[in-house]
Amino acid sequence: GEMPYHMDEISDALSDCDLFLAVGTSGVVY
């Protein structure tokens, strides 16, 4: 119910990346 930390920084990184790796994630937690 609380907002995750550093979302602005994360958003900037995702919009700038050219390779995204997800390791050990369930894909059910938003």
PDB file of all heavy atoms in Angstrom:
ATOM      1  N   GLY A   1       0.799  -1.215   0.000  1.00  0.00           N
ATOM      2  CA  GLY A   1       0.000   0.000   0.000  1.00  0.00           C
ATOM      3  C   GLY A   1       0.833   1.265   0.000  1.00  0.00           C
ATOM      4  O   GLY A   1       0.279   2.364  -0.164  1.00  0.00           O
ATOM      5  N   GLU A   2       2.152   1.133   0.177  1.00  0.00           N
ATOM      6  CA  GLU A   2       3.043   2.289   0.149  1.00  0.00           C
ATOM      7  C   GLU A   2       3.771   2.370  -1.191  1.00  0.00           C
ATOM      8  O   GLU A   2       3.961   1.359  -1.864  1.00  0.00           O
ATOM      9  CB  GLU A   2       4.055   2.210   1.300  1.00  0.00           C
ATOM     10  CG  GLU A   2       3.409   2.270   2.672  1.00  0.00           C
ATOM     11  CD  GLU A   2       4.405   2.171   3.807  1.00  0.00           C
ATOM     12  OE1 GLU A   2       5.462   1.519   3.622  1.00  0.00           O
ATOM     13  OE2 GLU A   2       4.134   2.730   4.884  1.00  0.00           O
ATOM     14  N   MET A   3       4.192   3.556  -1.556  1.00  0.00           N
ATOM     15  CA  MET A   3       4.873   3.781  -2.831  1.00  0.00           C
ATOM     16  C   MET A   3       6.321   3.295  -2.754  1.00  0.00           C
ATOM     17  O   MET A   3       7.040   3.647  -1.820  1.00  0.00           O
ATOM     18  CB  MET A   3       4.854   5.267  -3.189  1.00  0.00           C
ATOM     19  CG  MET A   3       5.558   5.594  -4.487  1.00  0.00           C
ATOM     20  SD  MET A   3       4.731   4.875  -5.927  1.00  0.00           S
ATOM     21  CE  MET A   3       3.230   5.879  -5.963  1.00  0.00           C
ATOM     22  N   PRO A   4       6.760   2.481  -3.703  1.00  0.00           N
ATOM     23  CA  PRO A   4       8.173   2.074  -3.729  1.00  0.00           C
ATOM     24  C   PRO A   4       9.091   3.293  -3.817  1.00  0.00           C
ATOM     25  O   PRO A   4       8.699   4.354  -4.314  1.00  0.00           O
ATOM     26  CB  PRO A   4       8.269   1.209  -4.998  1.00  0.00           C
ATOM     27  CG  PRO A   4       6.882   0.683  -5.188  1.00  0.00           C
ATOM     28  CD  PRO A   4       5.975   1.805  -4.752  1.00  0.00           C
ATOM     29  N   TYR A   5      10.311   3.105  -3.368  1.00  0.00           N
ATOM     30  CA  TYR A   5      11.277   4.187  -3.368  1.00  0.00           C
ATOM     31  C   TYR A   5      11.900   4.391  -4.766  1.00  0.00           C
ATOM     32  O   TYR A   5      11.948   3.466  -5.579  1.00  0.00           O
ATOM     33  CB  TYR A   5      12.414   3.876  -2.388  1.00  0.00           C
ATOM     34  CG  TYR A   5      12.002   3.751  -0.938  1.00  0.00           C
ATOM     35  CD1 TYR A   5      12.759   2.997  -0.049  1.00  0.00           C
ATOM     36  CD2 TYR A   5      10.869   4.391  -0.448  1.00  0.00           C
ATOM     37  CE1 TYR A   5      12.419   2.885   1.286  1.00  0.00           C
ATOM     38  CE2 TYR A   5      10.506   4.284   0.882  1.00  0.00           C
ATOM     39  CZ  TYR A   5      11.293   3.521   1.755  1.00  0.00           C
ATOM     40  OH  TYR A   5      10.928   3.411   3.073  1.00  0.00           O
ATOM     41  N   HIS A   6      12.408   5.594  -4.986  1.00  0.00           N
ATOM     42  CA  HIS A   6      13.263   5.926  -6.141  1.00  0.00           C
ATOM     43  C   HIS A   6      12.568   5.733  -7.489  1.00  0.00           C
ATOM     44  O   HIS A   6      13.239   5.462  -8.493  1.00  0.00           O
ATOM     45  CB  HIS A   6      14.546   5.081  -6.113  1.00  0.00           C
ATOM     46  CG  HIS A   6      15.229   5.026  -4.789  1.00  0.00           C
ATOM     47  ND1 HIS A   6      15.779   6.143  -4.192  1.00  0.00           N
ATOM     48  CD2 HIS A   6      15.434   3.980  -3.936  1.00  0.00           C
ATOM     49  CE1 HIS A   6      16.311   5.792  -3.035  1.00  0.00           C
ATOM     50  NE2 HIS A   6      16.120   4.505  -2.845  1.00  0.00           N
ATOM     51  N   MET A   7      11.259   5.884  -7.545  1.00  0.00           N
ATOM     52  CA  MET A   7      10.560   5.606  -8.796  1.00  0.00           C
ATOM     53  C   MET A   7      10.941   6.578  -9.916  1.00  0.00           C
ATOM     54  O   MET A   7      10.983   6.182 -11.090  1.00  0.00           O
ATOM     55  CB  MET A   7       9.048   5.612  -8.572  1.00  0.00           C
ATOM     56  CG  MET A   7       8.534   4.385  -7.788  1.00  0.00           C
ATOM     57  SD  MET A   7       9.027   2.813  -8.551  1.00  0.00           S
ATOM     58  CE  MET A   7       8.231   2.931 -10.143  1.00  0.00           C
ATOM     59  N   ASP A   8      11.241   7.807  -9.604  1.00  0.00           N
ATOM     60  CA  ASP A   8      11.655   8.746 -10.645  1.00  0.00           C
ATOM     61  C   ASP A   8      12.994   8.319 -11.242  1.00  0.00           C
ATOM     62  O   ASP A   8      13.177   8.333 -12.475  1.00  0.00           O
ATOM     63  CB  ASP A   8      11.775  10.167 -10.080  1.00  0.00           C
ATOM     64  CG  ASP A   8      10.422  10.806  -9.808  1.00  0.00           C
ATOM     65  OD1 ASP A   8       9.406  10.290 -10.319  1.00  0.00           O
ATOM     66  OD2 ASP A   8      10.382  11.815  -9.074  1.00  0.00           O
ATOM     67  N   GLU A   9      13.917   7.936 -10.386  1.00  0.00           N
ATOM     68  CA  GLU A   9      15.232   7.474 -10.845  1.00  0.00           C
ATOM     69  C   GLU A   9      15.106   6.199 -11.676  1.00  0.00           C
ATOM     70  O   GLU A   9      15.761   6.047 -12.713  1.00  0.00           O
ATOM     71  CB  GLU A   9      16.140   7.235  -9.636  1.00  0.00           C
ATOM     72  CG  GLU A   9      17.559   6.829  -9.980  1.00  0.00           C
ATOM     73  CD  GLU A   9      18.418   6.609  -8.750  1.00  0.00           C
ATOM     74  OE1 GLU A   9      17.924   6.812  -7.613  1.00  0.00           O
ATOM     75  OE2 GLU A   9      19.590   6.219  -8.924  1.00  0.00           O
ATOM     76  N   ILE A  10      14.239   5.300 -11.229  1.00  0.00           N
ATOM     77  CA  ILE A  10      14.022   4.048 -11.960  1.00  0.00           C
ATOM     78  C   ILE A  10      13.399   4.327 -13.321  1.00  0.00           C
ATOM     79  O   ILE A  10      13.810   3.753 -14.338  1.00  0.00           O
ATOM     80  CB  ILE A  10      13.128   3.104 -11.130  1.00  0.00           C
ATOM     81  CG1 ILE A  10      13.886   2.615  -9.898  1.00  0.00           C
ATOM     82  CG2 ILE A  10      12.653   1.920 -11.968  1.00  0.00           C
ATOM     83  CD1 ILE A  10      13.026   1.871  -8.888  1.00  0.00           C
ATOM     84  N   SER A  11      12.413   5.195 -13.349  1.00  0.00           N
ATOM     85  CA  SER A  11      11.754   5.537 -14.611  1.00  0.00           C
ATOM     86  C   SER A  11      12.742   6.124 -15.606  1.00  0.00           C
ATOM     87  O   SER A  11      12.734   5.775 -16.804  1.00  0.00           O
ATOM     88  CB  SER A  11      10.612   6.518 -14.355  1.00  0.00           C
ATOM     89  OG  SER A  11       9.980   6.894 -15.559  1.00  0.00           O
ATOM     90  N   ASP A  12      13.624   6.998 -15.131  1.00  0.00           N
ATOM     91  CA  ASP A  12      14.633   7.597 -16.004  1.00  0.00           C
ATOM     92  C   ASP A  12      15.569   6.532 -16.567  1.00  0.00           C
ATOM     93  O   ASP A  12      15.924   6.564 -17.756  1.00  0.00           O
ATOM     94  CB  ASP A  12      15.440   8.647 -15.244  1.00  0.00           C
ATOM     95  CG  ASP A  12      14.642   9.908 -14.946  1.00  0.00           C
ATOM     96  OD1 ASP A  12      13.574  10.103 -15.567  1.00  0.00           O
ATOM     97  OD2 ASP A  12      15.073  10.694 -14.080  1.00  0.00           O
ATOM     98  N   ALA A  13      15.975   5.586 -15.720  1.00  0.00           N
ATOM     99  CA  ALA A  13      16.888   4.531 -16.167  1.00  0.00           C
ATOM    100  C   ALA A  13      16.223   3.639 -17.213  1.00  0.00           C
ATOM    101  O   ALA A  13      16.834   3.287 -18.229  1.00  0.00           O
ATOM    102  CB  ALA A  13      17.350   3.701 -14.972  1.00  0.00           C
ATOM    103  N   LEU A  14      14.975   3.281 -16.986  1.00  0.00           N
ATOM    104  CA  LEU A  14      14.266   2.409 -17.927  1.00  0.00           C
ATOM    105  C   LEU A  14      14.065   3.086 -19.276  1.00  0.00           C
ATOM    106  O   LEU A  14      14.151   2.443 -20.325  1.00  0.00           O
ATOM    107  CB  LEU A  14      12.912   1.995 -17.342  1.00  0.00           C
ATOM    108  CG  LEU A  14      12.960   1.047 -16.139  1.00  0.00           C
ATOM    109  CD1 LEU A  14      11.572   0.916 -15.516  1.00  0.00           C
ATOM    110  CD2 LEU A  14      13.499  -0.321 -16.536  1.00  0.00           C
ATOM    111  N   SER A  15      13.811   4.377 -19.254  1.00  0.00           N
ATOM    112  CA  SER A  15      13.578   5.091 -20.505  1.00  0.00           C
ATOM    113  C   SER A  15      14.870   5.305 -21.282  1.00  0.00           C
ATOM    114  O   SER A  15      14.840   5.627 -22.477  1.00  0.00           O
ATOM    115  CB  SER A  15      12.910   6.442 -20.231  1.00  0.00           C
ATOM    116  OG  SER A  15      13.767   7.298 -19.491  1.00  0.00           O
ATOM    117  N   ASP A  16      16.009   5.100 -20.629  1.00  0.00           N
ATOM    118  CA  ASP A  16      17.312   5.334 -21.248  1.00  0.00           C
ATOM    119  C   ASP A  16      18.049   4.047 -21.616  1.00  0.00           C
ATOM    120  O   ASP A  16      19.047   4.082 -22.331  1.00  0.00           O
ATOM    121  CB  ASP A  16      18.180   6.159 -20.286  1.00  0.00           C
ATOM    122  CG  ASP A  16      19.541   6.500 -20.855  1.00  0.00           C
ATOM    123  OD1 ASP A  16      19.583   7.174 -21.906  1.00  0.00           O
ATOM    124  OD2 ASP A  16      20.556   6.081 -20.269  1.00  0.00           O
ATOM    125  N   CYS A  17      17.551   2.890 -21.145  1.00  0.00           N
ATOM    126  CA  CYS A  17      18.324   1.659 -21.303  1.00  0.00           C
ATOM    127  C   CYS A  17      18.137   1.036 -22.681  1.00  0.00           C
ATOM    128  O   CYS A  17      17.130   1.261 -23.354  1.00  0.00           O
ATOM    129  CB  CYS A  17      17.978   0.646 -20.213  1.00  0.00           C
ATOM    130  SG  CYS A  17      16.405  -0.209 -20.407  1.00  0.00           S
ATOM    131  N   ASP A  18      19.136   0.248 -23.086  1.00  0.00           N
ATOM    132  CA  ASP A  18      19.008  -0.522 -24.325  1.00  0.00           C
ATOM    133  C   ASP A  18      19.113  -2.023 -24.087  1.00  0.00           C
ATOM    134  O   ASP A  18      18.964  -2.813 -25.009  1.00  0.00           O
ATOM    135  CB  ASP A  18      20.007  -0.073 -25.390  1.00  0.00           C
ATOM    136  CG  ASP A  18      21.426   0.073 -24.868  1.00  0.00           C
ATOM    137  OD1 ASP A  18      21.691  -0.361 -23.739  1.00  0.00           O
ATOM    138  OD2 ASP A  18      22.268   0.626 -25.593  1.00  0.00           O
ATOM    139  N   LEU A  19      19.363  -2.428 -22.838  1.00  0.00           N
ATOM    140  CA  LEU A  19      19.310  -3.835 -22.436  1.00  0.00           C
ATOM    141  C   LEU A  19      18.716  -3.899 -21.043  1.00  0.00           C
ATOM    142  O   LEU A  19      19.225  -3.271 -20.111  1.00  0.00           O
ATOM    143  CB  LEU A  19      20.700  -4.469 -22.448  1.00  0.00           C
ATOM    144  CG  LEU A  19      20.781  -5.930 -21.964  1.00  0.00           C
ATOM    145  CD1 LEU A  19      19.948  -6.856 -22.867  1.00  0.00           C
ATOM    146  CD2 LEU A  19      22.232  -6.410 -21.904  1.00  0.00           C
ATOM    147  N   PHE A  20      17.624  -4.644 -20.899  1.00  0.00           N
ATOM    148  CA  PHE A  20      16.958  -4.801 -19.602  1.00  0.00           C
ATOM    149  C   PHE A  20      16.988  -6.266 -19.199  1.00  0.00           C
ATOM    150  O   PHE A  20      16.549  -7.140 -19.956  1.00  0.00           O
ATOM    151  CB  PHE A  20      15.511  -4.313 -19.670  1.00  0.00           C
ATOM    152  CG  PHE A  20      14.722  -4.560 -18.410  1.00  0.00           C
ATOM    153  CD1 PHE A  20      14.981  -3.843 -17.255  1.00  0.00           C
ATOM    154  CD2 PHE A  20      13.719  -5.531 -18.376  1.00  0.00           C
ATOM    155  CE1 PHE A  20      14.262  -4.076 -16.087  1.00  0.00           C
ATOM    156  CE2 PHE A  20      12.994  -5.761 -17.221  1.00  0.00           C
ATOM    157  CZ  PHE A  20      13.265  -5.034 -16.068  1.00  0.00           C
ATOM    158  N   LEU A  21      17.521  -6.545 -18.014  1.00  0.00           N
ATOM    159  CA  LEU A  21      17.617  -7.905 -17.500  1.00  0.00           C
ATOM    160  C   LEU A  21      16.799  -8.012 -16.219  1.00  0.00           C
ATOM    161  O   LEU A  21      16.941  -7.186 -15.318  1.00  0.00           O
ATOM    162  CB  LEU A  21      19.079  -8.268 -17.196  1.00  0.00           C
ATOM    163  CG  LEU A  21      20.116  -7.975 -18.285  1.00  0.00           C
ATOM    164  CD1 LEU A  21      21.512  -8.334 -17.781  1.00  0.00           C
ATOM    165  CD2 LEU A  21      19.788  -8.739 -19.562  1.00  0.00           C
ATOM    166  N   ALA A  22      15.945  -9.022 -16.130  1.00  0.00           N
ATOM    167  CA  ALA A  22      15.179  -9.294 -14.912  1.00  0.00           C
ATOM    168  C   ALA A  22      15.617 -10.646 -14.383  1.00  0.00           C
ATOM    169  O   ALA A  22      15.524 -11.660 -15.083  1.00  0.00           O
ATOM    170  CB  ALA A  22      13.685  -9.284 -15.191  1.00  0.00           C
ATOM    171  N   VAL A  23      16.079 -10.674 -13.145  1.00  0.00           N
ATOM    172  CA  VAL A  23      16.657 -11.893 -12.566  1.00  0.00           C
ATOM    173  C   VAL A  23      15.865 -12.307 -11.333  1.00  0.00           C
ATOM    174  O   VAL A  23      15.783 -11.560 -10.353  1.00  0.00           O
ATOM    175  CB  VAL A  23      18.136 -11.674 -12.171  1.00  0.00           C
ATOM    176  CG1 VAL A  23      18.736 -12.966 -11.627  1.00  0.00           C
ATOM    177  CG2 VAL A  23      18.946 -11.147 -13.351  1.00  0.00           C
ATOM    178  N   GLY A  24      15.257 -13.492 -11.379  1.00  0.00           N
ATOM    179  CA  GLY A  24      14.578 -14.034 -10.210  1.00  0.00           C
ATOM    180  C   GLY A  24      13.330 -13.282  -9.811  1.00  0.00           C
ATOM    181  O   GLY A  24      13.015 -13.188  -8.618  1.00  0.00           O
ATOM    182  N   THR A  25      12.597 -12.763 -10.789  1.00  0.00           N
ATOM    183  CA  THR A  25      11.366 -12.025 -10.487  1.00  0.00           C
ATOM    184  C   THR A  25      10.144 -12.850 -10.903  1.00  0.00           C
ATOM    185  O   THR A  25      10.170 -13.546 -11.910  1.00  0.00           O
ATOM    186  CB  THR A  25      11.336 -10.674 -11.214  1.00  0.00           C
ATOM    187  OG1 THR A  25      11.364 -10.898 -12.623  1.00  0.00           O
ATOM    188  CG2 THR A  25      12.527  -9.823 -10.818  1.00  0.00           C
ATOM    189  N   SER A  26       9.081 -12.730 -10.127  1.00  0.00           N
ATOM    190  CA  SER A  26       7.873 -13.511 -10.378  1.00  0.00           C
ATOM    191  C   SER A  26       6.988 -12.913 -11.461  1.00  0.00           C
ATOM    192  O   SER A  26       6.194 -13.610 -12.091  1.00  0.00           O
ATOM    193  CB  SER A  26       7.063 -13.643  -9.085  1.00  0.00           C
ATOM    194  OG  SER A  26       6.608 -12.364  -8.656  1.00  0.00           O
ATOM    195  N   GLY A  27       7.085 -11.597 -11.634  1.00  0.00           N
ATOM    196  CA  GLY A  27       6.234 -10.923 -12.607  1.00  0.00           C
ATOM    197  C   GLY A  27       4.817 -10.691 -12.114  1.00  0.00           C
ATOM    198  O   GLY A  27       3.913 -10.432 -12.913  1.00  0.00           O
ATOM    199  N   VAL A  28       4.608 -10.753 -10.793  1.00  0.00           N
ATOM    200  CA  VAL A  28       3.266 -10.537 -10.252  1.00  0.00           C
ATOM    201  C   VAL A  28       3.199  -9.322  -9.322  1.00  0.00           C
ATOM    202  O   VAL A  28       2.113  -8.918  -8.914  1.00  0.00           O
ATOM    203  CB  VAL A  28       2.741 -11.793  -9.511  1.00  0.00           C
ATOM    204  CG1 VAL A  28       2.628 -12.962 -10.462  1.00  0.00           C
ATOM    205  CG2 VAL A  28       3.629 -12.147  -8.325  1.00  0.00           C
ATOM    206  N   VAL A  29       4.349  -8.754  -8.972  1.00  0.00           N
ATOM    207  CA  VAL A  29       4.366  -7.612  -8.061  1.00  0.00           C
ATOM    208  C   VAL A  29       4.596  -6.337  -8.859  1.00  0.00           C
ATOM    209  O   VAL A  29       5.628  -6.168  -9.506  1.00  0.00           O
ATOM    210  CB  VAL A  29       5.477  -7.770  -6.996  1.00  0.00           C
ATOM    211  CG1 VAL A  29       5.478  -6.548  -6.060  1.00  0.00           C
ATOM    212  CG2 VAL A  29       5.278  -9.052  -6.199  1.00  0.00           C
ATOM    213  N   TYR A  30       3.611  -5.453  -8.835  1.00  0.00           N
ATOM    214  CA  TYR A  30       3.727  -4.175  -9.540  1.00  0.00           C
ATOM    215  C   TYR A  30       4.151  -3.090  -8.552  1.00  0.00           C
ATOM    216  O   TYR A  30       3.885  -3.211  -7.356  1.00  0.00           O
ATOM    217  CB  TYR A  30       2.382  -3.820 -10.192  1.00  0.00           C
ATOM    218  CG  TYR A  30       2.140  -4.602 -11.459  1.00  0.00           C
ATOM    219  CD1 TYR A  30       1.595  -5.884 -11.412  1.00  0.00           C
ATOM    220  CD2 TYR A  30       2.493  -4.085 -12.700  1.00  0.00           C
ATOM    221  CE1 TYR A  30       1.395  -6.621 -12.577  1.00  0.00           C
ATOM    222  CE2 TYR A  30       2.298  -4.808 -13.868  1.00  0.00           C
ATOM    223  CZ  TYR A  30       1.745  -6.072 -13.801  1.00  0.00           C
ATOM    224  OH  TYR A  30       1.562  -6.798 -14.953  1.00  0.00           O
TER     225      TYR A  30
END
